[in-house]
Amino acid sequence: MKTTLELPDDLMRRIKLRAVHRNRKLKDEVAQLLEAGMASQPAAEAPARPPKPVRLRGRKPVTLAEIEDAIAAGRD
């Protein structure tokens, strides 16, 4: 796959020199460096899904005032 990247000049120079010293193509050296960087990082875990809201059957919805009262009661 072809892509375009904007890299700092100094970084690009260092990668080019590294590829030349290793007698490798630039694209192969960039791919190897990206693979090494990805392998050194732990795999990102999928974000945990929030629990589904509890639905109270046969009861009117809880009001904001009731929630605040319950929180205040828990602080006492």
C-alpha atoms as a PDB file:
ATOM      1  CA  MET A   1       0.000   0.000   0.000  1.00  0.00           C
ATOM      2  CA  LYS A   2       1.289   3.415  -0.854  1.00  0.00           C
ATOM      3  CA  THR A   3       0.964   6.306   1.546  1.00  0.00           C
ATOM      4  CA  THR A   4       2.418   9.756   2.090  1.00  0.00           C
ATOM      5  CA  LEU A   5       4.011  10.730   5.393  1.00  0.00           C
ATOM      6  CA  GLU A   6       5.388  14.037   6.570  1.00  0.00           C
ATOM      7  CA  LEU A   7       8.449  13.381   8.719  1.00  0.00           C
ATOM      8  CA  PRO A   8      10.951  15.791  10.227  1.00  0.00           C
ATOM      9  CA  ASP A   9      13.997  16.251   7.965  1.00  0.00           C
ATOM     10  CA  ASP A  10      16.440  14.999  10.599  1.00  0.00           C
ATOM     11  CA  LEU A  11      14.436  11.829  11.216  1.00  0.00           C
ATOM     12  CA  MET A  12      14.191  11.113   7.485  1.00  0.00           C
ATOM     13  CA  ARG A  13      17.957  11.610   7.094  1.00  0.00           C
ATOM     14  CA  ARG A  14      18.629   9.140   9.929  1.00  0.00           C
ATOM     15  CA  ILE A  15      16.292   6.545   8.453  1.00  0.00           C
ATOM     16  CA  LYS A  16      17.879   6.915   5.006  1.00  0.00           C
ATOM     17  CA  LEU A  17      21.376   6.508   6.464  1.00  0.00           C
ATOM     18  CA  ARG A  18      20.267   3.486   8.448  1.00  0.00           C
ATOM     19  CA  ALA A  19      18.822   1.889   5.298  1.00  0.00           C
ATOM     20  CA  VAL A  20      22.015   2.569   3.328  1.00  0.00           C
ATOM     21  CA  HIS A  21      24.236   1.142   6.084  1.00  0.00           C
ATOM     22  CA  ARG A  22      22.083  -1.987   6.206  1.00  0.00           C
ATOM     23  CA  ASN A  23      21.931  -2.241   2.409  1.00  0.00           C
ATOM     24  CA  ARG A  24      18.125  -2.133   2.479  1.00  0.00           C
ATOM     25  CA  LYS A  25      15.474  -0.260   0.561  1.00  0.00           C
ATOM     26  CA  LEU A  26      14.066   2.779   2.340  1.00  0.00           C
ATOM     27  CA  LYS A  27      10.523   1.362   2.295  1.00  0.00           C
ATOM     28  CA  ASP A  28      11.738  -1.896   3.882  1.00  0.00           C
ATOM     29  CA  GLU A  29      13.605  -0.020   6.615  1.00  0.00           C
ATOM     30  CA  VAL A  30      10.585   2.164   7.404  1.00  0.00           C
ATOM     31  CA  ALA A  31       8.332  -0.919   7.541  1.00  0.00           C
ATOM     32  CA  GLN A  32      10.790  -2.709   9.864  1.00  0.00           C
ATOM     33  CA  LEU A  33      11.017   0.303  12.188  1.00  0.00           C
ATOM     34  CA  LEU A  34       7.231   0.623  12.326  1.00  0.00           C
ATOM     35  CA  GLU A  35       6.868  -3.112  13.065  1.00  0.00           C
ATOM     36  CA  ALA A  36       9.460  -2.873  15.855  1.00  0.00           C
ATOM     37  CA  GLY A  37       7.718   0.145  17.340  1.00  0.00           C
ATOM     38  CA  MET A  38       4.317  -1.538  17.226  1.00  0.00           C
ATOM     39  CA  ALA A  39       5.705  -4.721  18.804  1.00  0.00           C
ATOM     40  CA  SER A  40       7.251  -2.769  21.693  1.00  0.00           C
ATOM     41  CA  GLN A  41       3.899  -1.286  22.736  1.00  0.00           C
ATOM     42  CA  PRO A  42       1.291  -3.340  24.568  1.00  0.00           C
ATOM     43  CA  ALA A  43      -1.769  -4.125  22.503  1.00  0.00           C
ATOM     44  CA  ALA A  44      -4.504  -1.586  23.006  1.00  0.00           C
ATOM     45  CA  GLU A  45      -7.448  -3.066  24.814  1.00  0.00           C
ATOM     46  CA  ALA A  46     -10.900  -2.388  23.516  1.00  0.00           C
ATOM     47  CA  PRO A  47     -12.634   0.168  25.722  1.00  0.00           C
ATOM     48  CA  ALA A  48     -14.935  -1.451  28.241  1.00  0.00           C
ATOM     49  CA  ARG A  49     -18.584  -1.066  27.397  1.00  0.00           C
ATOM     50  CA  PRO A  50     -20.562   0.754  30.056  1.00  0.00           C
ATOM     51  CA  PRO A  51     -23.214  -1.350  31.749  1.00  0.00           C
ATOM     52  CA  LYS A  52     -26.736  -1.063  30.471  1.00  0.00           C
ATOM     53  CA  PRO A  53     -28.975   1.173  32.590  1.00  0.00           C
ATOM     54  CA  VAL A  54     -31.233  -0.573  35.062  1.00  0.00           C
ATOM     55  CA  ARG A  55     -34.892  -0.212  34.256  1.00  0.00           C
ATOM     56  CA  LEU A  56     -37.226  -0.177  37.207  1.00  0.00           C
ATOM     57  CA  ARG A  57     -40.532  -1.778  36.316  1.00  0.00           C
ATOM     58  CA  GLY A  58     -43.713  -0.522  37.862  1.00  0.00           C
ATOM     59  CA  ARG A  59     -42.043   2.556  39.313  1.00  0.00           C
ATOM     60  CA  LYS A  60     -41.942   6.110  38.099  1.00  0.00           C
ATOM     61  CA  PRO A  61     -38.540   7.352  36.885  1.00  0.00           C
ATOM     62  CA  VAL A  62     -36.103   8.499  39.560  1.00  0.00           C
ATOM     63  CA  THR A  63     -35.846  12.272  39.773  1.00  0.00           C
ATOM     64  CA  LEU A  64     -32.693  14.313  40.054  1.00  0.00           C
ATOM     65  CA  ALA A  65     -33.727  15.415  43.540  1.00  0.00           C
ATOM     66  CA  GLU A  66     -34.038  11.771  44.648  1.00  0.00           C
ATOM     67  CA  ILE A  67     -30.580  11.001  43.275  1.00  0.00           C
ATOM     68  CA  GLU A  68     -29.073  14.000  45.070  1.00  0.00           C
ATOM     69  CA  ASP A  69     -30.808  12.998  48.322  1.00  0.00           C
ATOM     70  CA  ALA A  70     -29.431   9.456  48.032  1.00  0.00           C
ATOM     71  CA  ILE A  71     -25.903  10.795  47.441  1.00  0.00           C
ATOM     72  CA  ALA A  72     -26.197  13.173  50.396  1.00  0.00           C
ATOM     73  CA  ALA A  73     -27.479  10.350  52.632  1.00  0.00           C
ATOM     74  CA  GLY A  74     -24.449   8.270  51.684  1.00  0.00           C
ATOM     75  CA  ARG A  75     -22.121  11.043  52.866  1.00  0.00           C
ATOM     76  CA  ASP A  76     -23.617  11.155  56.366  1.00  0.00           C
END
